Amino acid sequence: MSIEHVLQTLNAAKHQAERELSGINQALEALNGHGQKKPMATERRVMSAAGRQRIAAAQKARWAKIRQNRLVLIRKTGKKAA
């Protein structure tokens, strides 16, 4: 065997090993989550106190309407609404 042939064989083995190592690194990154982007919804949204009060008032009004309709049904039929 000539030295050139040995060098070519070693270079081919080196390139093969580099390709395999690259594949292993990609697999590890995928499993560890390094290749994935984080979801955008990780930040918490901030709501003002006034916004919370408006939502609470609207929900109270909805429940008051439901309770009002229940009372009307009870008065009309004499039975509790299911």
PDB file of N, CA and C in Angstrom:
ATOM      1  N   MET A   1       0.832  -1.181   0.000  1.00  0.00           N
ATOM      2  CA  MET A   1       0.000   0.000   0.000  1.00  0.00           C
ATOM      3  C   MET A   1       0.877   1.245   0.000  1.00  0.00           C
ATOM      4  N   SER A   2       0.450   2.175  -0.783  1.00  0.00           N
ATOM      5  CA  SER A   2       1.208   3.419  -0.818  1.00  0.00           C
ATOM      6  C   SER A   2       0.680   4.371   0.254  1.00  0.00           C
ATOM      7  N   ILE A   3       1.478   5.361   0.571  1.00  0.00           N
ATOM      8  CA  ILE A   3       1.095   6.349   1.586  1.00  0.00           C
ATOM      9  C   ILE A   3      -0.137   7.136   1.128  1.00  0.00           C
ATOM     10  N   GLU A   4      -0.223   7.439  -0.173  1.00  0.00           N
ATOM     11  CA  GLU A   4      -1.374   8.175  -0.686  1.00  0.00           C
ATOM     12  C   GLU A   4      -2.667   7.385  -0.493  1.00  0.00           C
ATOM     13  N   HIS A   5      -2.583   6.090  -0.705  1.00  0.00           N
ATOM     14  CA  HIS A   5      -3.766   5.242  -0.545  1.00  0.00           C
ATOM     15  C   HIS A   5      -4.196   5.211   0.918  1.00  0.00           C
ATOM     16  N   VAL A   6      -3.234   5.123   1.824  1.00  0.00           N
ATOM     17  CA  VAL A   6      -3.528   5.123   3.257  1.00  0.00           C
ATOM     18  C   VAL A   6      -4.158   6.455   3.654  1.00  0.00           C
ATOM     19  N   LEU A   7      -3.618   7.574   3.148  1.00  0.00           N
ATOM     20  CA  LEU A   7      -4.178   8.899   3.457  1.00  0.00           C
ATOM     21  C   LEU A   7      -5.604   9.035   2.936  1.00  0.00           C
ATOM     22  N   GLN A   8      -5.859   8.544   1.735  1.00  0.00           N
ATOM     23  CA  GLN A   8      -7.214   8.598   1.179  1.00  0.00           C
ATOM     24  C   GLN A   8      -8.179   7.781   2.030  1.00  0.00           C
ATOM     25  N   THR A   9      -7.758   6.611   2.464  1.00  0.00           N
ATOM     26  CA  THR A   9      -8.596   5.750   3.299  1.00  0.00           C
ATOM     27  C   THR A   9      -8.887   6.431   4.638  1.00  0.00           C
ATOM     28  N   LEU A  10      -7.860   7.023   5.231  1.00  0.00           N
ATOM     29  CA  LEU A  10      -8.055   7.713   6.517  1.00  0.00           C
ATOM     30  C   LEU A  10      -8.964   8.930   6.361  1.00  0.00           C
ATOM     31  N   ASN A  11      -8.808   9.701   5.301  1.00  0.00           N
ATOM     32  CA  ASN A  11      -9.670  10.858   5.054  1.00  0.00           C
ATOM     33  C   ASN A  11     -11.116  10.427   4.832  1.00  0.00           C
ATOM     34  N   ALA A  12     -11.307   9.328   4.116  1.00  0.00           N
ATOM     35  CA  ALA A  12     -12.663   8.829   3.889  1.00  0.00           C
ATOM     36  C   ALA A  12     -13.295   8.396   5.208  1.00  0.00           C
ATOM     37  N   ALA A  13     -12.518   7.730   6.055  1.00  0.00           N
ATOM     38  CA  ALA A  13     -13.016   7.303   7.365  1.00  0.00           C
ATOM     39  C   ALA A  13     -13.337   8.520   8.230  1.00  0.00           C
ATOM     40  N   LYS A  14     -12.497   9.555   8.143  1.00  0.00           N
ATOM     41  CA  LYS A  14     -12.727  10.792   8.911  1.00  0.00           C
ATOM     42  C   LYS A  14     -14.034  11.444   8.493  1.00  0.00           C
ATOM     43  N   HIS A  15     -14.264  11.561   7.182  1.00  0.00           N
ATOM     44  CA  HIS A  15     -15.496  12.193   6.686  1.00  0.00           C
ATOM     45  C   HIS A  15     -16.727  11.369   7.072  1.00  0.00           C
ATOM     46  N   GLN A  16     -16.613  10.068   7.028  1.00  0.00           N
ATOM     47  CA  GLN A  16     -17.719   9.190   7.433  1.00  0.00           C
ATOM     48  C   GLN A  16     -18.033   9.389   8.913  1.00  0.00           C
ATOM     49  N   ALA A  17     -17.001   9.452   9.737  1.00  0.00           N
ATOM     50  CA  ALA A  17     -17.195   9.656  11.171  1.00  0.00           C
ATOM     51  C   ALA A  17     -17.824  11.025  11.450  1.00  0.00           C
ATOM     52  N   GLU A  18     -17.407  12.061  10.709  1.00  0.00           N
ATOM     53  CA  GLU A  18     -17.981  13.396  10.886  1.00  0.00           C
ATOM     54  C   GLU A  18     -19.462  13.410  10.527  1.00  0.00           C
ATOM     55  N   ARG A  19     -19.838  12.699   9.436  1.00  0.00           N
ATOM     56  CA  ARG A  19     -21.249  12.642   9.050  1.00  0.00           C
ATOM     57  C   ARG A  19     -22.073  11.936  10.125  1.00  0.00           C
ATOM     58  N   GLU A  20     -21.551  10.833  10.653  1.00  0.00           N
ATOM     59  CA  GLU A  20     -22.264  10.103  11.704  1.00  0.00           C
ATOM     60  C   GLU A  20     -22.394  10.949  12.965  1.00  0.00           C
ATOM     61  N   LEU A  21     -21.324  11.652  13.329  1.00  0.00           N
ATOM     62  CA  LEU A  21     -21.355  12.501  14.510  1.00  0.00           C
ATOM     63  C   LEU A  21     -22.353  13.646  14.331  1.00  0.00           C
ATOM     64  N   SER A  22     -22.419  14.191  13.128  1.00  0.00           N
ATOM     65  CA  SER A  22     -23.378  15.252  12.850  1.00  0.00           C
ATOM     66  C   SER A  22     -24.806  14.750  13.030  1.00  0.00           C
ATOM     67  N   GLY A  23     -25.082  13.548  12.543  1.00  0.00           N
ATOM     68  CA  GLY A  23     -26.410  12.952  12.715  1.00  0.00           C
ATOM     69  C   GLY A  23     -26.746  12.709  14.169  1.00  0.00           C
ATOM     70  N   ILE A  24     -25.764  12.253  14.934  1.00  0.00           N
ATOM     71  CA  ILE A  24     -25.973  12.017  16.367  1.00  0.00           C
ATOM     72  C   ILE A  24     -26.262  13.339  17.082  1.00  0.00           C
ATOM     73  N   ASN A  25     -25.505  14.381  16.739  1.00  0.00           N
ATOM     74  CA  ASN A  25     -25.723  15.690  17.359  1.00  0.00           C
ATOM     75  C   ASN A  25     -27.114  16.230  17.035  1.00  0.00           C
ATOM     76  N   GLN A  26     -27.563  16.058  15.804  1.00  0.00           N
ATOM     77  CA  GLN A  26     -28.901  16.517  15.427  1.00  0.00           C
ATOM     78  C   GLN A  26     -29.969  15.767  16.209  1.00  0.00           C
ATOM     79  N   ALA A  27     -29.781  14.467  16.376  1.00  0.00           N
ATOM     80  CA  ALA A  27     -30.741  13.676  17.141  1.00  0.00           C
ATOM     81  C   ALA A  27     -30.777  14.126  18.597  1.00  0.00           C
ATOM     82  N   LEU A  28     -29.619  14.391  19.175  1.00  0.00           N
ATOM     83  CA  LEU A  28     -29.570  14.861  20.562  1.00  0.00           C
ATOM     84  C   LEU A  28     -30.242  16.215  20.712  1.00  0.00           C
ATOM     85  N   GLU A  29     -30.005  17.120  19.778  1.00  0.00           N
ATOM     86  CA  GLU A  29     -30.635  18.433  19.841  1.00  0.00           C
ATOM     87  C   GLU A  29     -32.147  18.318  19.733  1.00  0.00           C
ATOM     88  N   ALA A  30     -32.617  17.436  18.877  1.00  0.00           N
ATOM     89  CA  ALA A  30     -34.064  17.255  18.728  1.00  0.00           C
ATOM     90  C   ALA A  30     -34.669  16.690  20.008  1.00  0.00           C
ATOM     91  N   LEU A  31     -33.983  15.749  20.623  1.00  0.00           N
ATOM     92  CA  LEU A  31     -34.504  15.153  21.851  1.00  0.00           C
ATOM     93  C   LEU A  31     -34.439  16.121  23.025  1.00  0.00           C
ATOM     94  N   ASN A  32     -33.425  16.964  23.054  1.00  0.00           N
ATOM     95  CA  ASN A  32     -33.288  17.931  24.144  1.00  0.00           C
ATOM     96  C   ASN A  32     -34.127  19.176  23.920  1.00  0.00           C
ATOM     97  N   GLY A  33     -34.697  19.333  22.742  1.00  0.00           N
ATOM     98  CA  GLY A  33     -35.538  20.486  22.466  1.00  0.00           C
ATOM     99  C   GLY A  33     -34.788  21.701  21.996  1.00  0.00           C
ATOM    100  N   HIS A  34     -33.503  21.590  21.699  1.00  0.00           N
ATOM    101  CA  HIS A  34     -32.740  22.749  21.249  1.00  0.00           C
ATOM    102  C   HIS A  34     -33.122  23.158  19.835  1.00  0.00           C
ATOM    103  N   GLY A  35     -33.660  22.248  19.078  1.00  0.00           N
ATOM    104  CA  GLY A  35     -34.016  22.564  17.702  1.00  0.00           C
ATOM    105  C   GLY A  35     -35.400  23.162  17.572  1.00  0.00           C
ATOM    106  N   GLN A  36     -36.149  23.223  18.670  1.00  0.00           N
ATOM    107  CA  GLN A  36     -37.520  23.712  18.624  1.00  0.00           C
ATOM    108  C   GLN A  36     -37.584  25.147  19.118  1.00  0.00           C
ATOM    109  N   LYS A  37     -38.491  25.900  18.519  1.00  0.00           N
ATOM    110  CA  LYS A  37     -38.728  27.260  18.998  1.00  0.00           C
ATOM    111  C   LYS A  37     -39.724  27.202  20.141  1.00  0.00           C
ATOM    112  N   LYS A  38     -39.580  28.112  21.071  1.00  0.00           N
ATOM    113  CA  LYS A  38     -40.501  28.167  22.191  1.00  0.00           C
ATOM    114  C   LYS A  38     -41.818  28.774  21.722  1.00  0.00           C
ATOM    115  N   PRO A  39     -42.930  28.314  22.270  1.00  0.00           N
ATOM    116  CA  PRO A  39     -44.216  28.880  21.862  1.00  0.00           C
ATOM    117  C   PRO A  39     -44.323  30.345  22.287  1.00  0.00           C
ATOM    118  N   MET A  40     -45.051  31.110  21.511  1.00  0.00           N
ATOM    119  CA  MET A  40     -45.176  32.537  21.776  1.00  0.00           C
ATOM    120  C   MET A  40     -46.055  32.820  23.000  1.00  0.00           C
ATOM    121  N   ALA A  41     -46.871  31.883  23.391  1.00  0.00           N
ATOM    122  CA  ALA A  41     -47.824  32.123  24.470  1.00  0.00           C
ATOM    123  C   ALA A  41     -47.207  31.943  25.853  1.00  0.00           C
ATOM    124  N   THR A  42     -45.902  31.915  25.983  1.00  0.00           N
ATOM    125  CA  THR A  42     -45.295  31.728  27.287  1.00  0.00           C
ATOM    126  C   THR A  42     -45.385  32.994  28.140  1.00  0.00           C
ATOM    127  N   GLU A  43     -45.555  34.143  27.515  1.00  0.00           N
ATOM    128  CA  GLU A  43     -45.684  35.379  28.281  1.00  0.00           C
ATOM    129  C   GLU A  43     -47.119  35.521  28.759  1.00  0.00           C
ATOM    130  N   ARG A  44     -47.281  35.923  29.998  1.00  0.00           N
ATOM    131  CA  ARG A  44     -48.620  36.107  30.542  1.00  0.00           C
ATOM    132  C   ARG A  44     -49.161  37.447  30.104  1.00  0.00           C
ATOM    133  N   ARG A  45     -50.420  37.451  29.784  1.00  0.00           N
ATOM    134  CA  ARG A  45     -51.056  38.711  29.398  1.00  0.00           C
ATOM    135  C   ARG A  45     -51.482  39.459  30.648  1.00  0.00           C
ATOM    136  N   VAL A  46     -51.390  40.745  30.578  1.00  0.00           N
ATOM    137  CA  VAL A  46     -51.720  41.587  31.717  1.00  0.00           C
ATOM    138  C   VAL A  46     -53.050  42.268  31.447  1.00  0.00           C
ATOM    139  N   MET A  47     -53.924  42.223  32.435  1.00  0.00           N
ATOM    140  CA  MET A  47     -55.228  42.867  32.301  1.00  0.00           C
ATOM    141  C   MET A  47     -55.336  43.958  33.367  1.00  0.00           C
ATOM    142  N   SER A  48     -55.855  45.072  32.980  1.00  0.00           N
ATOM    143  CA  SER A  48     -55.975  46.169  33.931  1.00  0.00           C
ATOM    144  C   SER A  48     -57.079  45.862  34.938  1.00  0.00           C
ATOM    145  N   ALA A  49     -57.027  46.552  36.063  1.00  0.00           N
ATOM    146  CA  ALA A  49     -58.044  46.375  37.091  1.00  0.00           C
ATOM    147  C   ALA A  49     -59.413  46.790  36.568  1.00  0.00           C
ATOM    148  N   ALA A  50     -59.443  47.841  35.762  1.00  0.00           N
ATOM    149  CA  ALA A  50     -60.715  48.299  35.196  1.00  0.00           C
ATOM    150  C   ALA A  50     -61.292  47.238  34.255  1.00  0.00           C
ATOM    151  N   GLY A  51     -60.452  46.593  33.492  1.00  0.00           N
ATOM    152  CA  GLY A  51     -60.912  45.534  32.595  1.00  0.00           C
ATOM    153  C   GLY A  51     -61.484  44.363  33.372  1.00  0.00           C
ATOM    154  N   ARG A  52     -60.815  43.985  34.473  1.00  0.00           N
ATOM    155  CA  ARG A  52     -61.334  42.899  35.308  1.00  0.00           C
ATOM    156  C   ARG A  52     -62.674  43.279  35.915  1.00  0.00           C
ATOM    157  N   GLN A  53     -62.815  44.534  36.327  1.00  0.00           N
ATOM    158  CA  GLN A  53     -64.086  44.980  36.910  1.00  0.00           C
ATOM    159  C   GLN A  53     -65.217  44.936  35.882  1.00  0.00           C
ATOM    160  N   ARG A  54     -64.930  45.321  34.634  1.00  0.00           N
ATOM    161  CA  ARG A  54     -65.957  45.265  33.585  1.00  0.00           C
ATOM    162  C   ARG A  54     -66.397  43.829  33.326  1.00  0.00           C
ATOM    163  N   ILE A  55     -65.430  42.929  33.288  1.00  0.00           N
ATOM    164  CA  ILE A  55     -65.759  41.525  33.051  1.00  0.00           C
ATOM    165  C   ILE A  55     -66.566  40.962  34.217  1.00  0.00           C
ATOM    166  N   ALA A  56     -66.171  41.284  35.436  1.00  0.00           N
ATOM    167  CA  ALA A  56     -66.888  40.802  36.614  1.00  0.00           C
ATOM    168  C   ALA A  56     -68.312  41.331  36.640  1.00  0.00           C
ATOM    169  N   ALA A  57     -68.480  42.606  36.302  1.00  0.00           N
ATOM    170  CA  ALA A  57     -69.826  43.190  36.289  1.00  0.00           C
ATOM    171  C   ALA A  57     -70.699  42.531  35.227  1.00  0.00           C
ATOM    172  N   ALA A  58     -70.135  42.261  34.064  1.00  0.00           N
ATOM    173  CA  ALA A  58     -70.897  41.611  32.999  1.00  0.00           C
ATOM    174  C   ALA A  58     -71.307  40.206  33.418  1.00  0.00           C
ATOM    175  N   GLN A  59     -70.407  39.468  34.079  1.00  0.00           N
ATOM    176  CA  GLN A  59     -70.741  38.115  34.510  1.00  0.00           C
ATOM    177  C   GLN A  59     -71.805  38.137  35.598  1.00  0.00           C
ATOM    178  N   LYS A  60     -71.718  39.084  36.514  1.00  0.00           N
ATOM    179  CA  LYS A  60     -72.749  39.208  37.551  1.00  0.00           C
ATOM    180  C   LYS A  60     -74.105  39.507  36.935  1.00  0.00           C
ATOM    181  N   ALA A  61     -74.113  40.342  35.893  1.00  0.00           N
ATOM    182  CA  ALA A  61     -75.365  40.648  35.214  1.00  0.00           C
ATOM    183  C   ALA A  61     -75.932  39.398  34.539  1.00  0.00           C
ATOM    184  N   ARG A  62     -75.065  38.578  33.950  1.00  0.00           N
ATOM    185  CA  ARG A  62     -75.539  37.331  33.317  1.00  0.00           C
ATOM    186  C   ARG A  62     -76.177  36.409  34.347  1.00  0.00           C
ATOM    187  N   TRP A  63     -75.497  36.235  35.498  1.00  0.00           N
ATOM    188  CA  TRP A  63     -76.048  35.364  36.528  1.00  0.00           C
ATOM    189  C   TRP A  63     -77.335  35.928  37.115  1.00  0.00           C
ATOM    190  N   ALA A  64     -77.429  37.243  37.251  1.00  0.00           N
ATOM    191  CA  ALA A  64     -78.652  37.860  37.762  1.00  0.00           C
ATOM    192  C   ALA A  64     -79.816  37.593  36.800  1.00  0.00           C
ATOM    193  N   LYS A  65     -79.555  37.654  35.516  1.00  0.00           N
ATOM    194  CA  LYS A  65     -80.586  37.382  34.508  1.00  0.00           C
ATOM    195  C   LYS A  65     -81.054  35.932  34.599  1.00  0.00           C
ATOM    196  N   ILE A  66     -80.105  35.011  34.791  1.00  0.00           N
ATOM    197  CA  ILE A  66     -80.468  33.597  34.918  1.00  0.00           C
ATOM    198  C   ILE A  66     -81.301  33.381  36.173  1.00  0.00           C
ATOM    199  N   ARG A  67     -80.894  33.980  37.281  1.00  0.00           N
ATOM    200  CA  ARG A  67     -81.650  33.844  38.532  1.00  0.00           C
ATOM    201  C   ARG A  67     -83.046  34.447  38.390  1.00  0.00           C
ATOM    202  N   GLN A  68     -83.150  35.553  37.695  1.00  0.00           N
ATOM    203  CA  GLN A  68     -84.441  36.202  37.483  1.00  0.00           C
ATOM    204  C   GLN A  68     -85.372  35.274  36.703  1.00  0.00           C
ATOM    205  N   ASN A  69     -84.836  34.638  35.662  1.00  0.00           N
ATOM    206  CA  ASN A  69     -85.648  33.715  34.868  1.00  0.00           C
ATOM    207  C   ASN A  69     -86.069  32.504  35.689  1.00  0.00           C
ATOM    208  N   ARG A  70     -85.231  32.033  36.596  1.00  0.00           N
ATOM    209  CA  ARG A  70     -85.590  30.908  37.456  1.00  0.00           C
ATOM    210  C   ARG A  70     -86.739  31.282  38.383  1.00  0.00           C
ATOM    211  N   LEU A  71     -86.682  32.472  38.948  1.00  0.00           N
ATOM    212  CA  LEU A  71     -87.753  32.920  39.846  1.00  0.00           C
ATOM    213  C   LEU A  71     -89.069  33.041  39.101  1.00  0.00           C
ATOM    214  N   VAL A  72     -89.034  33.524  37.878  1.00  0.00           N
ATOM    215  CA  VAL A  72     -90.249  33.659  37.079  1.00  0.00           C
ATOM    216  C   VAL A  72     -90.840  32.284  36.822  1.00  0.00           C
ATOM    217  N   LEU A  73     -90.003  31.295  36.492  1.00  0.00           N
ATOM    218  CA  LEU A  73     -90.492  29.935  36.245  1.00  0.00           C
ATOM    219  C   LEU A  73     -91.091  29.326  37.505  1.00  0.00           C
ATOM    220  N   ILE A  74     -90.459  29.570  38.645  1.00  0.00           N
ATOM    221  CA  ILE A  74     -90.977  29.019  39.905  1.00  0.00           C
ATOM    222  C   ILE A  74     -92.328  29.638  40.224  1.00  0.00           C
ATOM    223  N   ARG A  75     -92.465  30.925  40.025  1.00  0.00           N
ATOM    224  CA  ARG A  75     -93.740  31.598  40.331  1.00  0.00           C
ATOM    225  C   ARG A  75     -94.852  31.116  39.393  1.00  0.00           C
ATOM    226  N   LYS A  76     -94.510  30.907  38.125  1.00  0.00           N
ATOM    227  CA  LYS A  76     -95.520  30.495  37.158  1.00  0.00           C
ATOM    228  C   LYS A  76     -95.962  29.053  37.387  1.00  0.00           C
ATOM    229  N   THR A  77     -95.019  28.146  37.589  1.00  0.00           N
ATOM    230  CA  THR A  77     -95.342  26.727  37.660  1.00  0.00           C
ATOM    231  C   THR A  77     -95.455  26.211  39.078  1.00  0.00           C
ATOM    232  N   GLY A  78     -94.878  26.912  40.016  1.00  0.00           N
ATOM    233  CA  GLY A  78     -94.879  26.443  41.380  1.00  0.00           C
ATOM    234  C   GLY A  78     -93.854  25.370  41.655  1.00  0.00           C
ATOM    235  N   LYS A  79     -93.028  25.047  40.626  1.00  0.00           N
ATOM    236  CA  LYS A  79     -91.981  24.044  40.776  1.00  0.00           C
ATOM    237  C   LYS A  79     -90.623  24.682  40.453  1.00  0.00           C
ATOM    238  N   LYS A  80     -89.608  24.112  41.056  1.00  0.00           N
ATOM    239  CA  LYS A  80     -88.256  24.611  40.780  1.00  0.00           C
ATOM    240  C   LYS A  80     -87.845  24.206  39.377  1.00  0.00           C
ATOM    241  N   ALA A  81     -87.150  25.098  38.693  1.00  0.00           N
ATOM    242  CA  ALA A  81     -86.647  24.791  37.366  1.00  0.00           C
ATOM    243  C   ALA A  81     -85.438  23.878  37.488  1.00  0.00           C
ATOM    244  N   ALA A  82     -85.295  22.962  36.587  1.00  0.00           N
ATOM    245  CA  ALA A  82     -84.185  22.016  36.648  1.00  0.00           C
ATOM    246  C   ALA A  82     -82.890  22.631  36.190  1.00  0.00           C
TER     247      ALA A  82
END
